[in-house]
Amino acid sequence: MAIKRSILKNDKSIFIVKLNLDANDFIPEHSSSAIVTATVTSGLGIFNVGGIENKICNGSFIYLKPDEKHSIKAVESLEIIVHHININHKVTNEAEHICGMTKN
Protein backbone atom coordinates (compact mmCIF):
# COMPACT_ATOMS: atom_id res chain seq x y z
CA MET A 1 0.00 0.00 0.00
CA ALA A 2 1.52 3.24 -1.13
CA ILE A 3 -0.04 6.65 -1.54
CA LYS A 4 0.63 7.92 -5.04
CA ARG A 5 1.02 11.65 -5.65
CA SER A 6 0.96 13.48 -8.95
CA ILE A 7 1.72 17.20 -8.81
CA LEU A 8 -0.53 19.00 -11.29
CA LYS A 9 0.42 22.65 -10.58
CA ASN A 10 3.04 24.22 -8.36
CA ASP A 11 3.65 27.96 -8.21
CA LYS A 12 3.68 30.78 -5.66
CA SER A 13 -0.10 31.02 -5.34
CA ILE A 14 -1.41 27.47 -5.75
CA PHE A 15 -0.28 23.88 -5.32
CA ILE A 16 -2.48 21.15 -6.84
CA VAL A 17 -1.87 17.46 -6.27
CA LYS A 18 -3.77 14.31 -7.22
CA LEU A 19 -3.70 11.69 -4.47
CA ASN A 20 -4.42 8.02 -5.06
CA LEU A 21 -4.89 5.87 -1.98
CA ASP A 22 -5.41 2.12 -2.00
CA ALA A 23 -8.03 0.62 0.30
CA ASN A 24 -6.96 1.04 3.95
CA ASP A 25 -4.26 3.63 3.13
CA PHE A 26 -4.20 6.45 5.66
CA ILE A 27 -2.86 10.00 5.68
CA PRO A 28 -2.30 10.90 9.34
CA GLU A 29 -3.55 14.09 10.94
CA HIS A 30 -1.82 17.18 9.59
CA SER A 31 -2.59 20.77 8.61
CA SER A 32 -1.59 23.33 6.02
CA SER A 33 -1.02 27.07 6.34
CA ALA A 34 -2.90 27.46 3.05
CA ILE A 35 -6.61 27.40 2.28
CA VAL A 36 -7.31 23.84 1.12
CA THR A 37 -10.06 22.54 -1.13
CA ALA A 38 -10.39 18.98 -2.33
CA THR A 39 -12.70 17.02 -4.59
CA VAL A 40 -13.07 13.26 -4.50
CA THR A 41 -13.01 11.97 -8.07
CA SER A 42 -13.53 8.30 -7.24
CA GLY A 43 -13.73 5.86 -4.38
CA LEU A 44 -14.86 5.87 -0.77
CA GLY A 45 -13.16 7.11 2.37
CA ILE A 46 -13.38 8.74 5.78
CA PHE A 47 -12.30 12.36 6.17
CA ASN A 48 -11.67 13.50 9.74
CA VAL A 49 -11.60 17.21 10.55
CA GLY A 50 -11.70 18.57 14.08
CA GLY A 51 -12.32 15.07 15.45
CA ILE A 52 -15.46 14.60 13.34
CA GLU A 53 -15.50 11.76 10.81
CA ASN A 54 -17.29 12.26 7.49
CA LYS A 55 -17.82 9.73 4.70
CA ILE A 56 -16.45 10.95 1.38
CA CYS A 57 -17.16 9.52 -2.07
CA ASN A 58 -17.15 10.50 -5.74
CA GLY A 59 -18.16 14.17 -5.96
CA SER A 60 -17.54 15.05 -2.30
CA PHE A 61 -16.09 18.54 -1.85
CA ILE A 62 -13.91 19.53 1.10
CA TYR A 63 -12.99 23.03 2.28
CA LEU A 64 -10.45 23.72 5.02
CA LYS A 65 -9.37 26.97 6.58
CA PRO A 66 -5.65 27.45 7.18
CA ASP A 67 -4.24 25.30 10.00
CA GLU A 68 -7.31 23.02 10.34
CA LYS A 69 -6.12 19.57 11.37
CA HIS A 70 -7.43 16.72 9.25
CA SER A 71 -6.75 13.13 8.18
CA ILE A 72 -7.98 10.77 5.46
CA LYS A 73 -8.54 7.02 5.39
CA ALA A 74 -9.44 5.13 2.21
CA VAL A 75 -12.20 2.56 2.72
CA GLU A 76 -11.76 1.50 -0.90
CA SER A 77 -9.44 2.91 -3.57
CA LEU A 78 -9.73 6.68 -3.37
CA GLU A 79 -8.67 9.49 -5.72
CA ILE A 80 -8.71 13.10 -4.53
CA ILE A 81 -7.64 16.34 -6.23
CA VAL A 82 -6.30 18.74 -3.58
CA HIS A 83 -5.74 22.51 -4.02
CA HIS A 84 -3.57 24.51 -1.60
CA ILE A 85 -4.46 28.14 -2.33
CA ASN A 86 -2.62 31.37 -1.43
CA ILE A 87 0.59 29.73 -0.38
CA ASN A 88 3.38 32.27 -0.19
CA HIS A 89 6.23 30.12 -1.45
CA LYS A 90 6.90 27.54 -4.15
CA VAL A 91 6.56 24.03 -2.83
CA THR A 92 9.19 21.40 -3.58
CA ASN A 93 8.27 18.41 -5.69
CA GLU A 94 8.29 16.24 -2.57
CA ALA A 95 5.82 18.51 -0.73
CA GLU A 96 5.69 16.37 2.42
CA HIS A 97 5.26 19.44 4.61
CA ILE A 98 2.11 20.53 2.77
CA CYS A 99 0.50 17.13 2.18
CA GLY A 100 1.35 15.60 5.54
CA MET A 101 2.92 12.59 3.89
CA THR A 102 6.29 10.95 3.96
CA LYS A 103 8.33 10.11 0.91
CA ASN A 104 7.82 6.55 -0.38
PDB file of N, CA and C in Angstrom:
ATOM      1  N   MET A   1       0.848  -1.188   0.000  1.00  0.00           N
ATOM      2  CA  MET A   1       0.000   0.000   0.000  1.00  0.00           C
ATOM      3  C   MET A   1       0.885   1.240   0.000  1.00  0.00           C
ATOM      4  N   ALA A   2       0.746   2.005  -1.037  1.00  0.00           N
ATOM      5  CA  ALA A   2       1.519   3.240  -1.129  1.00  0.00           C
ATOM      6  C   ALA A   2       0.627   4.334  -1.671  1.00  0.00           C
ATOM      7  N   ILE A   3       0.725   5.495  -1.068  1.00  0.00           N
ATOM      8  CA  ILE A   3      -0.036   6.645  -1.543  1.00  0.00           C
ATOM      9  C   ILE A   3       0.709   7.224  -2.731  1.00  0.00           C
ATOM     10  N   LYS A   4       0.006   7.371  -3.834  1.00  0.00           N
ATOM     11  CA  LYS A   4       0.625   7.916  -5.045  1.00  0.00           C
ATOM     12  C   LYS A   4       0.252   9.384  -5.171  1.00  0.00           C
ATOM     13  N   ARG A   5       1.240  10.210  -5.482  1.00  0.00           N
ATOM     14  CA  ARG A   5       1.023  11.646  -5.648  1.00  0.00           C
ATOM     15  C   ARG A   5       1.448  12.071  -7.034  1.00  0.00           C
ATOM     16  N   SER A   6       0.615  12.881  -7.658  1.00  0.00           N
ATOM     17  CA  SER A   6       0.962  13.479  -8.947  1.00  0.00           C
ATOM     18  C   SER A   6       0.752  14.981  -8.808  1.00  0.00           C
ATOM     19  N   ILE A   7       1.835  15.739  -8.910  1.00  0.00           N
ATOM     20  CA  ILE A   7       1.723  17.196  -8.807  1.00  0.00           C
ATOM     21  C   ILE A   7       1.203  17.725 -10.138  1.00  0.00           C
ATOM     22  N   LEU A   8       0.098  18.464 -10.084  1.00  0.00           N
ATOM     23  CA  LEU A   8      -0.533  19.001 -11.287  1.00  0.00           C
ATOM     24  C   LEU A   8      -0.176  20.458 -11.530  1.00  0.00           C
ATOM     25  N   LYS A   9       0.060  21.222 -10.462  1.00  0.00           N
ATOM     26  CA  LYS A   9       0.420  22.646 -10.576  1.00  0.00           C
ATOM     27  C   LYS A   9       1.179  23.023  -9.319  1.00  0.00           C
ATOM     28  N   ASN A  10       2.214  23.832  -9.493  1.00  0.00           N
ATOM     29  CA  ASN A  10       3.042  24.223  -8.355  1.00  0.00           C
ATOM     30  C   ASN A  10       3.657  25.585  -8.641  1.00  0.00           C
ATOM     31  N   ASP A  11       3.044  26.633  -8.087  1.00  0.00           N
ATOM     32  CA  ASP A  11       3.646  27.961  -8.207  1.00  0.00           C
ATOM     33  C   ASP A  11       3.424  28.734  -6.910  1.00  0.00           C
ATOM     34  N   LYS A  12       3.710  30.022  -6.911  1.00  0.00           N
ATOM     35  CA  LYS A  12       3.679  30.779  -5.660  1.00  0.00           C
ATOM     36  C   LYS A  12       2.284  30.999  -5.088  1.00  0.00           C
ATOM     37  N   SER A  13       1.233  30.763  -5.862  1.00  0.00           N
ATOM     38  CA  SER A  13      -0.103  31.017  -5.336  1.00  0.00           C
ATOM     39  C   SER A  13      -0.967  29.768  -5.190  1.00  0.00           C
ATOM     40  N   ILE A  14      -0.587  28.675  -5.839  1.00  0.00           N
ATOM     41  CA  ILE A  14      -1.414  27.467  -5.751  1.00  0.00           C
ATOM     42  C   ILE A  14      -0.556  26.219  -5.944  1.00  0.00           C
ATOM     43  N   PHE A  15      -0.919  25.189  -5.212  1.00  0.00           N
ATOM     44  CA  PHE A  15      -0.283  23.882  -5.318  1.00  0.00           C
ATOM     45  C   PHE A  15      -1.412  22.872  -5.475  1.00  0.00           C
ATOM     46  N   ILE A  16      -1.414  22.119  -6.579  1.00  0.00           N
ATOM     47  CA  ILE A  16      -2.478  21.152  -6.839  1.00  0.00           C
ATOM     48  C   ILE A  16      -1.841  19.769  -6.979  1.00  0.00           C
ATOM     49  N   VAL A  17      -2.395  18.813  -6.245  1.00  0.00           N
ATOM     50  CA  VAL A  17      -1.873  17.456  -6.271  1.00  0.00           C
ATOM     51  C   VAL A  17      -3.029  16.465  -6.365  1.00  0.00           C
ATOM     52  N   LYS A  18      -2.809  15.413  -7.150  1.00  0.00           N
ATOM     53  CA  LYS A  18      -3.766  14.311  -7.219  1.00  0.00           C
ATOM     54  C   LYS A  18      -3.232  13.208  -6.311  1.00  0.00           C
ATOM     55  N   LEU A  19      -4.069  12.755  -5.382  1.00  0.00           N
ATOM     56  CA  LEU A  19      -3.700  11.686  -4.468  1.00  0.00           C
ATOM     57  C   LEU A  19      -4.482  10.431  -4.800  1.00  0.00           C
ATOM     58  N   ASN A  20      -3.785   9.320  -4.882  1.00  0.00           N
ATOM     59  CA  ASN A  20      -4.422   8.019  -5.064  1.00  0.00           C
ATOM     60  C   ASN A  20      -4.057   7.150  -3.874  1.00  0.00           C
ATOM     61  N   LEU A  21      -5.077   6.725  -3.139  1.00  0.00           N
ATOM     62  CA  LEU A  21      -4.888   5.874  -1.978  1.00  0.00           C
ATOM     63  C   LEU A  21      -5.532   4.523  -2.249  1.00  0.00           C
ATOM     64  N   ASP A  22      -4.829   3.447  -1.935  1.00  0.00           N
ATOM     65  CA  ASP A  22      -5.414   2.119  -2.004  1.00  0.00           C
ATOM     66  C   ASP A  22      -6.302   1.920  -0.783  1.00  0.00           C
ATOM     67  N   ALA A  23      -7.178   0.928  -0.842  1.00  0.00           N
ATOM     68  CA  ALA A  23      -8.032   0.615   0.302  1.00  0.00           C
ATOM     69  C   ALA A  23      -7.166   0.460   1.556  1.00  0.00           C
ATOM     70  N   ASN A  24      -7.605   1.059   2.632  1.00  0.00           N
ATOM     71  CA  ASN A  24      -6.959   1.040   3.955  1.00  0.00           C
ATOM     72  C   ASN A  24      -5.738   1.940   4.072  1.00  0.00           C
ATOM     73  N   ASP A  25      -5.327   2.639   2.995  1.00  0.00           N
ATOM     74  CA  ASP A  25      -4.265   3.635   3.133  1.00  0.00           C
ATOM     75  C   ASP A  25      -4.764   4.764   4.024  1.00  0.00           C
ATOM     76  N   PHE A  26      -3.839   5.428   4.690  1.00  0.00           N
ATOM     77  CA  PHE A  26      -4.200   6.447   5.663  1.00  0.00           C
ATOM     78  C   PHE A  26      -3.201   7.590   5.601  1.00  0.00           C
ATOM     79  N   ILE A  27      -3.712   8.814   5.551  1.00  0.00           N
ATOM     80  CA  ILE A  27      -2.863   9.998   5.679  1.00  0.00           C
ATOM     81  C   ILE A  27      -3.113  10.527   7.086  1.00  0.00           C
ATOM     82  N   PRO A  28      -2.100  10.503   7.944  1.00  0.00           N
ATOM     83  CA  PRO A  28      -2.300  10.896   9.336  1.00  0.00           C
ATOM     84  C   PRO A  28      -2.666  12.369   9.490  1.00  0.00           C
ATOM     85  N   GLU A  29      -3.133  12.713  10.670  1.00  0.00           N
ATOM     86  CA  GLU A  29      -3.546  14.090  10.941  1.00  0.00           C
ATOM     87  C   GLU A  29      -2.415  15.064  10.647  1.00  0.00           C
ATOM     88  N   HIS A  30      -2.768  16.134   9.957  1.00  0.00           N
ATOM     89  CA  HIS A  30      -1.823  17.176   9.586  1.00  0.00           C
ATOM     90  C   HIS A  30      -2.619  18.445   9.296  1.00  0.00           C
ATOM     91  N   SER A  31      -1.925  19.527   8.993  1.00  0.00           N
ATOM     92  CA  SER A  31      -2.594  20.768   8.609  1.00  0.00           C
ATOM     93  C   SER A  31      -1.728  21.487   7.590  1.00  0.00           C
ATOM     94  N   SER A  32      -2.300  22.517   6.991  1.00  0.00           N
ATOM     95  CA  SER A  32      -1.589  23.330   6.018  1.00  0.00           C
ATOM     96  C   SER A  32      -1.818  24.797   6.366  1.00  0.00           C
ATOM     97  N   SER A  33      -0.841  25.628   6.106  1.00  0.00           N
ATOM     98  CA  SER A  33      -1.015  27.067   6.339  1.00  0.00           C
ATOM     99  C   SER A  33      -1.822  27.719   5.221  1.00  0.00           C
ATOM    100  N   ALA A  34      -2.128  26.953   4.185  1.00  0.00           N
ATOM    101  CA  ALA A  34      -2.901  27.462   3.049  1.00  0.00           C
ATOM    102  C   ALA A  34      -4.389  27.161   3.233  1.00  0.00           C
ATOM    103  N   ILE A  35      -5.215  27.807   2.427  1.00  0.00           N
ATOM    104  CA  ILE A  35      -6.606  27.401   2.280  1.00  0.00           C
ATOM    105  C   ILE A  35      -6.567  26.123   1.438  1.00  0.00           C
ATOM    106  N   VAL A  36      -7.327  25.114   1.833  1.00  0.00           N
ATOM    107  CA  VAL A  36      -7.309  23.841   1.120  1.00  0.00           C
ATOM    108  C   VAL A  36      -8.716  23.499   0.655  1.00  0.00           C
ATOM    109  N   THR A  37      -8.832  23.129  -0.621  1.00  0.00           N
ATOM    110  CA  THR A  37     -10.060  22.535  -1.128  1.00  0.00           C
ATOM    111  C   THR A  37      -9.688  21.205  -1.756  1.00  0.00           C
ATOM    112  N   ALA A  38     -10.635  20.282  -1.738  1.00  0.00           N
ATOM    113  CA  ALA A  38     -10.386  18.976  -2.332  1.00  0.00           C
ATOM    114  C   ALA A  38     -11.688  18.439  -2.896  1.00  0.00           C
ATOM    115  N   THR A  39     -11.566  17.692  -3.984  1.00  0.00           N
ATOM    116  CA  THR A  39     -12.704  17.021  -4.594  1.00  0.00           C
ATOM    117  C   THR A  39     -12.355  15.552  -4.770  1.00  0.00           C
ATOM    118  N   VAL A  40     -13.240  14.695  -4.309  1.00  0.00           N
ATOM    119  CA  VAL A  40     -13.065  13.262  -4.497  1.00  0.00           C
ATOM    120  C   VAL A  40     -13.529  12.933  -5.912  1.00  0.00           C
ATOM    121  N   THR A  41     -12.653  12.315  -6.701  1.00  0.00           N
ATOM    122  CA  THR A  41     -13.008  11.971  -8.073  1.00  0.00           C
ATOM    123  C   THR A  41     -13.419  10.512  -8.216  1.00  0.00           C
ATOM    124  N   SER A  42     -13.051   9.681  -7.250  1.00  0.00           N
ATOM    125  CA  SER A  42     -13.532   8.299  -7.242  1.00  0.00           C
ATOM    126  C   SER A  42     -13.225   7.659  -5.901  1.00  0.00           C
ATOM    127  N   GLY A  43     -13.995   6.641  -5.565  1.00  0.00           N
ATOM    128  CA  GLY A  43     -13.731   5.859  -4.377  1.00  0.00           C
ATOM    129  C   GLY A  43     -14.570   6.230  -3.178  1.00  0.00           C
ATOM    130  N   LEU A  44     -14.153   5.694  -2.031  1.00  0.00           N
ATOM    131  CA  LEU A  44     -14.864   5.874  -0.771  1.00  0.00           C
ATOM    132  C   LEU A  44     -13.853   5.991   0.352  1.00  0.00           C
ATOM    133  N   GLY A  45     -14.086   6.938   1.263  1.00  0.00           N
ATOM    134  CA  GLY A  45     -13.162   7.111   2.367  1.00  0.00           C
ATOM    135  C   GLY A  45     -13.802   7.789   3.561  1.00  0.00           C
ATOM    136  N   ILE A  46     -12.979   8.021   4.567  1.00  0.00           N
ATOM    137  CA  ILE A  46     -13.376   8.736   5.776  1.00  0.00           C
ATOM    138  C   ILE A  46     -12.450   9.943   5.904  1.00  0.00           C
ATOM    139  N   PHE A  47     -13.047  11.109   6.006  1.00  0.00           N
ATOM    140  CA  PHE A  47     -12.300  12.358   6.171  1.00  0.00           C
ATOM    141  C   PHE A  47     -12.578  12.857   7.576  1.00  0.00           C
ATOM    142  N   ASN A  48     -11.534  13.048   8.358  1.00  0.00           N
ATOM    143  CA  ASN A  48     -11.672  13.501   9.737  1.00  0.00           C
ATOM    144  C   ASN A  48     -11.166  14.928   9.835  1.00  0.00           C
ATOM    145  N   VAL A  49     -12.009  15.830  10.308  1.00  0.00           N
ATOM    146  CA  VAL A  49     -11.601  17.209  10.554  1.00  0.00           C
ATOM    147  C   VAL A  49     -12.161  17.620  11.912  1.00  0.00           C
ATOM    148  N   GLY A  50     -11.278  18.142  12.759  1.00  0.00           N
ATOM    149  CA  GLY A  50     -11.704  18.570  14.084  1.00  0.00           C
ATOM    150  C   GLY A  50     -12.290  17.453  14.917  1.00  0.00           C
ATOM    151  N   GLY A  51     -11.826  16.205  14.690  1.00  0.00           N
ATOM    152  CA  GLY A  51     -12.316  15.071  15.450  1.00  0.00           C
ATOM    153  C   GLY A  51     -13.638  14.512  14.956  1.00  0.00           C
ATOM    154  N   ILE A  52     -14.185  15.065  13.885  1.00  0.00           N
ATOM    155  CA  ILE A  52     -15.457  14.599  13.336  1.00  0.00           C
ATOM    156  C   ILE A  52     -15.188  13.832  12.045  1.00  0.00           C
ATOM    157  N   GLU A  53     -15.686  12.589  11.997  1.00  0.00           N
ATOM    158  CA  GLU A  53     -15.498  11.761  10.813  1.00  0.00           C
ATOM    159  C   GLU A  53     -16.650  11.957   9.840  1.00  0.00           C
ATOM    160  N   ASN A  54     -16.306  12.100   8.563  1.00  0.00           N
ATOM    161  CA  ASN A  54     -17.287  12.264   7.495  1.00  0.00           C
ATOM    162  C   ASN A  54     -16.977  11.276   6.387  1.00  0.00           C
ATOM    163  N   LYS A  55     -18.008  10.593   5.864  1.00  0.00           N
ATOM    164  CA  LYS A  55     -17.817   9.732   4.702  1.00  0.00           C
ATOM    165  C   LYS A  55     -17.617  10.624   3.484  1.00  0.00           C
ATOM    166  N   ILE A  56     -16.672  10.241   2.636  1.00  0.00           N
ATOM    167  CA  ILE A  56     -16.454  10.947   1.376  1.00  0.00           C
ATOM    168  C   ILE A  56     -16.513   9.943   0.241  1.00  0.00           C
ATOM    169  N   CYS A  57     -17.037  10.390  -0.892  1.00  0.00           N
ATOM    170  CA  CYS A  57     -17.164   9.520  -2.071  1.00  0.00           C
ATOM    171  C   CYS A  57     -17.096  10.401  -3.316  1.00  0.00           C
ATOM    172  N   ASN A  58     -17.220   9.777  -4.483  1.00  0.00           N
ATOM    173  CA  ASN A  58     -17.149  10.497  -5.743  1.00  0.00           C
ATOM    174  C   ASN A  58     -18.035  11.751  -5.699  1.00  0.00           C
ATOM    175  N   GLY A  59     -17.432  12.907  -5.957  1.00  0.00           N
ATOM    176  CA  GLY A  59     -18.164  14.169  -5.961  1.00  0.00           C
ATOM    177  C   GLY A  59     -18.110  14.940  -4.653  1.00  0.00           C
ATOM    178  N   SER A  60     -17.632  14.323  -3.576  1.00  0.00           N
ATOM    179  CA  SER A  60     -17.536  15.047  -2.297  1.00  0.00           C
ATOM    180  C   SER A  60     -16.560  16.209  -2.440  1.00  0.00           C
ATOM    181  N   PHE A  61     -16.924  17.341  -1.832  1.00  0.00           N
ATOM    182  CA  PHE A  61     -16.090  18.537  -1.854  1.00  0.00           C
ATOM    183  C   PHE A  61     -15.706  18.875  -0.419  1.00  0.00           C
ATOM    184  N   ILE A  62     -14.442  19.221  -0.225  1.00  0.00           N
ATOM    185  CA  ILE A  62     -13.913  19.527   1.105  1.00  0.00           C
ATOM    186  C   ILE A  62     -13.318  20.923   1.081  1.00  0.00           C
ATOM    187  N   TYR A  63     -13.586  21.698   2.118  1.00  0.00           N
ATOM    188  CA  TYR A  63     -12.990  23.030   2.276  1.00  0.00           C
ATOM    189  C   TYR A  63     -12.391  23.104   3.670  1.00  0.00           C
ATOM    190  N   LEU A  64     -11.129  23.559   3.744  1.00  0.00           N
ATOM    191  CA  LEU A  64     -10.450  23.717   5.025  1.00  0.00           C
ATOM    192  C   LEU A  64      -9.847  25.108   5.137  1.00  0.00           C
ATOM    193  N   LYS A  65     -10.034  25.711   6.285  1.00  0.00           N
ATOM    194  CA  LYS A  65      -9.367  26.974   6.578  1.00  0.00           C
ATOM    195  C   LYS A  65      -7.907  26.679   6.914  1.00  0.00           C
ATOM    196  N   PRO A  66      -7.048  27.671   6.815  1.00  0.00           N
ATOM    197  CA  PRO A  66      -5.647  27.447   7.178  1.00  0.00           C
ATOM    198  C   PRO A  66      -5.520  26.858   8.585  1.00  0.00           C
ATOM    199  N   ASP A  67      -4.613  25.927   8.735  1.00  0.00           N
ATOM    200  CA  ASP A  67      -4.244  25.296  10.002  1.00  0.00           C
ATOM    201  C   ASP A  67      -5.298  24.371  10.599  1.00  0.00           C
ATOM    202  N   GLU A  68      -6.343  24.009   9.847  1.00  0.00           N
ATOM    203  CA  GLU A  68      -7.308  23.019  10.338  1.00  0.00           C
ATOM    204  C   GLU A  68      -6.691  21.629  10.243  1.00  0.00           C
ATOM    205  N   LYS A  69      -6.680  20.920  11.350  1.00  0.00           N
ATOM    206  CA  LYS A  69      -6.120  19.569  11.372  1.00  0.00           C
ATOM    207  C   LYS A  69      -7.118  18.598  10.764  1.00  0.00           C
ATOM    208  N   HIS A  70      -6.587  17.669   9.941  1.00  0.00           N
ATOM    209  CA  HIS A  70      -7.430  16.716   9.253  1.00  0.00           C
ATOM    210  C   HIS A  70      -6.641  15.457   8.898  1.00  0.00           C
ATOM    211  N   SER A  71      -7.365  14.385   8.626  1.00  0.00           N
ATOM    212  CA  SER A  71      -6.753  13.130   8.183  1.00  0.00           C
ATOM    213  C   SER A  71      -7.713  12.444   7.207  1.00  0.00           C
ATOM    214  N   ILE A  72      -7.186  11.470   6.464  1.00  0.00           N
ATOM    215  CA  ILE A  72      -7.981  10.769   5.462  1.00  0.00           C
ATOM    216  C   ILE A  72      -7.672   9.281   5.545  1.00  0.00           C
ATOM    217  N   LYS A  73      -8.712   8.467   5.479  1.00  0.00           N
ATOM    218  CA  LYS A  73      -8.539   7.018   5.389  1.00  0.00           C
ATOM    219  C   LYS A  73      -9.359   6.518   4.209  1.00  0.00           C
ATOM    220  N   ALA A  74      -8.734   5.717   3.352  1.00  0.00           N
ATOM    221  CA  ALA A  74      -9.438   5.130   2.214  1.00  0.00           C
ATOM    222  C   ALA A  74     -10.139   3.851   2.666  1.00  0.00           C
ATOM    223  N   VAL A  75     -11.443   3.778   2.452  1.00  0.00           N
ATOM    224  CA  VAL A  75     -12.200   2.564   2.719  1.00  0.00           C
ATOM    225  C   VAL A  75     -12.041   1.628   1.523  1.00  0.00           C
ATOM    226  N   GLU A  76     -12.105   2.203   0.334  1.00  0.00           N
ATOM    227  CA  GLU A  76     -11.762   1.503  -0.901  1.00  0.00           C
ATOM    228  C   GLU A  76     -10.868   2.455  -1.682  1.00  0.00           C
ATOM    229  N   SER A  77     -10.325   2.032  -2.806  1.00  0.00           N
ATOM    230  CA  SER A  77      -9.437   2.908  -3.573  1.00  0.00           C
ATOM    231  C   SER A  77     -10.051   4.292  -3.701  1.00  0.00           C
ATOM    232  N   LEU A  78      -9.246   5.312  -3.462  1.00  0.00           N
ATOM    233  CA  LEU A  78      -9.733   6.683  -3.367  1.00  0.00           C
ATOM    234  C   LEU A  78      -8.825   7.598  -4.182  1.00  0.00           C
ATOM    235  N   GLU A  79      -9.430   8.475  -4.988  1.00  0.00           N
ATOM    236  CA  GLU A  79      -8.673   9.488  -5.719  1.00  0.00           C
ATOM    237  C   GLU A  79      -9.224  10.851  -5.344  1.00  0.00           C
ATOM    238  N   ILE A  80      -8.329  11.753  -4.979  1.00  0.00           N
ATOM    239  CA  ILE A  80      -8.709  13.101  -4.533  1.00  0.00           C
ATOM    240  C   ILE A  80      -7.807  14.114  -5.224  1.00  0.00           C
ATOM    241  N   ILE A  81      -8.409  15.208  -5.709  1.00  0.00           N
ATOM    242  CA  ILE A  81      -7.638  16.342  -6.230  1.00  0.00           C
ATOM    243  C   ILE A  81      -7.644  17.414  -5.146  1.00  0.00           C
ATOM    244  N   VAL A  82      -6.450  17.802  -4.692  1.00  0.00           N
ATOM    245  CA  VAL A  82      -6.299  18.741  -3.578  1.00  0.00           C
ATOM    246  C   VAL A  82      -5.664  20.034  -4.069  1.00  0.00           C
ATOM    247  N   HIS A  83      -6.263  21.179  -3.684  1.00  0.00           N
ATOM    248  CA  HIS A  83      -5.738  22.513  -4.020  1.00  0.00           C
ATOM    249  C   HIS A  83      -5.303  23.215  -2.743  1.00  0.00           C
ATOM    250  N   HIS A  84      -4.063  23.651  -2.687  1.00  0.00           N
ATOM    251  CA  HIS A  84      -3.573  24.510  -1.604  1.00  0.00           C
ATOM    252  C   HIS A  84      -3.469  25.910  -2.206  1.00  0.00           C
ATOM    253  N   ILE A  85      -4.296  26.828  -1.713  1.00  0.00           N
ATOM    254  CA  ILE A  85      -4.458  28.144  -2.330  1.00  0.00           C
ATOM    255  C   ILE A  85      -3.835  29.225  -1.456  1.00  0.00           C
ATOM    256  N   ASN A  86      -3.232  30.219  -2.113  1.00  0.00           N
ATOM    257  CA  ASN A  86      -2.623  31.365  -1.431  1.00  0.00           C
ATOM    258  C   ASN A  86      -1.429  30.977  -0.581  1.00  0.00           C
ATOM    259  N   ILE A  87      -0.662  30.024  -1.061  1.00  0.00           N
ATOM    260  CA  ILE A  87       0.589  29.734  -0.379  1.00  0.00           C
ATOM    261  C   ILE A  87       1.578  30.822  -0.770  1.00  0.00           C
ATOM    262  N   ASN A  88       2.496  31.144   0.091  1.00  0.00           N
ATOM    263  CA  ASN A  88       3.382  32.271  -0.187  1.00  0.00           C
ATOM    264  C   ASN A  88       4.790  31.837  -0.582  1.00  0.00           C
ATOM    265  N   HIS A  89       4.939  30.593  -0.985  1.00  0.00           N
ATOM    266  CA  HIS A  89       6.232  30.123  -1.454  1.00  0.00           C
ATOM    267  C   HIS A  89       6.020  28.944  -2.395  1.00  0.00           C
ATOM    268  N   LYS A  90       7.001  28.693  -3.252  1.00  0.00           N
ATOM    269  CA  LYS A  90       6.901  27.542  -4.151  1.00  0.00           C
ATOM    270  C   LYS A  90       7.226  26.284  -3.360  1.00  0.00           C
ATOM    271  N   VAL A  91       6.421  25.282  -3.551  1.00  0.00           N
ATOM    272  CA  VAL A  91       6.562  24.028  -2.833  1.00  0.00           C
ATOM    273  C   VAL A  91       7.486  23.109  -3.616  1.00  0.00           C
ATOM    274  N   THR A  92       8.303  22.341  -2.902  1.00  0.00           N
ATOM    275  CA  THR A  92       9.188  21.397  -3.581  1.00  0.00           C
ATOM    276  C   THR A  92       8.373  20.267  -4.185  1.00  0.00           C
ATOM    277  N   ASN A  93       8.962  19.540  -5.080  1.00  0.00           N
ATOM    278  CA  ASN A  93       8.272  18.412  -5.692  1.00  0.00           C
ATOM    279  C   ASN A  93       7.893  17.345  -4.680  1.00  0.00           C
ATOM    280  N   GLU A  94       8.614  17.245  -3.590  1.00  0.00           N
ATOM    281  CA  GLU A  94       8.293  16.236  -2.574  1.00  0.00           C
ATOM    282  C   GLU A  94       7.072  16.655  -1.768  1.00  0.00           C
ATOM    283  N   ALA A  95       6.997  17.908  -1.356  1.00  0.00           N
ATOM    284  CA  ALA A  95       5.823  18.509  -0.727  1.00  0.00           C
ATOM    285  C   ALA A  95       5.308  17.771   0.503  1.00  0.00           C
ATOM    286  N   GLU A  96       6.153  17.064   1.230  1.00  0.00           N
ATOM    287  CA  GLU A  96       5.685  16.368   2.423  1.00  0.00           C
ATOM    288  C   GLU A  96       5.095  17.338   3.436  1.00  0.00           C
ATOM    289  N   HIS A  97       5.719  18.514   3.568  1.00  0.00           N
ATOM    290  CA  HIS A  97       5.257  19.438   4.607  1.00  0.00           C
ATOM    291  C   HIS A  97       3.880  20.020   4.310  1.00  0.00           C
ATOM    292  N   ILE A  98       3.451  20.001   3.083  1.00  0.00           N
ATOM    293  CA  ILE A  98       2.113  20.526   2.766  1.00  0.00           C
ATOM    294  C   ILE A  98       1.102  19.408   2.732  1.00  0.00           C
ATOM    295  N   CYS A  99       1.476  18.215   2.331  1.00  0.00           N
ATOM    296  CA  CYS A  99       0.502  17.133   2.183  1.00  0.00           C
ATOM    297  C   CYS A  99       0.462  16.220   3.392  1.00  0.00           C
ATOM    298  N   GLY A 100       1.349  16.426   4.352  1.00  0.00           N
ATOM    299  CA  GLY A 100       1.346  15.598   5.542  1.00  0.00           C
ATOM    300  C   GLY A 100       1.736  14.156   5.276  1.00  0.00           C
ATOM    301  N   MET A 101       2.544  13.943   4.258  1.00  0.00           N
ATOM    302  CA  MET A 101       2.920  12.587   3.889  1.00  0.00           C
ATOM    303  C   MET A 101       4.423  12.434   3.931  1.00  0.00           C
ATOM    304  N   THR A 102       4.861  11.222   4.024  1.00  0.00           N
ATOM    305  CA  THR A 102       6.290  10.952   3.958  1.00  0.00           C
ATOM    306  C   THR A 102       6.626  10.396   2.585  1.00  0.00           C
ATOM    307  N   LYS A 103       7.876  10.568   2.216  1.00  0.00           N
ATOM    308  CA  LYS A 103       8.327  10.108   0.907  1.00  0.00           C
ATOM    309  C   LYS A 103       8.344   8.587   0.878  1.00  0.00           C
ATOM    310  N   ASN A 104       7.839   8.013  -0.217  1.00  0.00           N
ATOM    311  CA  ASN A 104       7.824   6.546  -0.383  1.00  0.00           C
ATOM    312  C   ASN A 104       8.995   6.103  -1.209  1.00  0.00           C
TER     313      ASN A 104
END
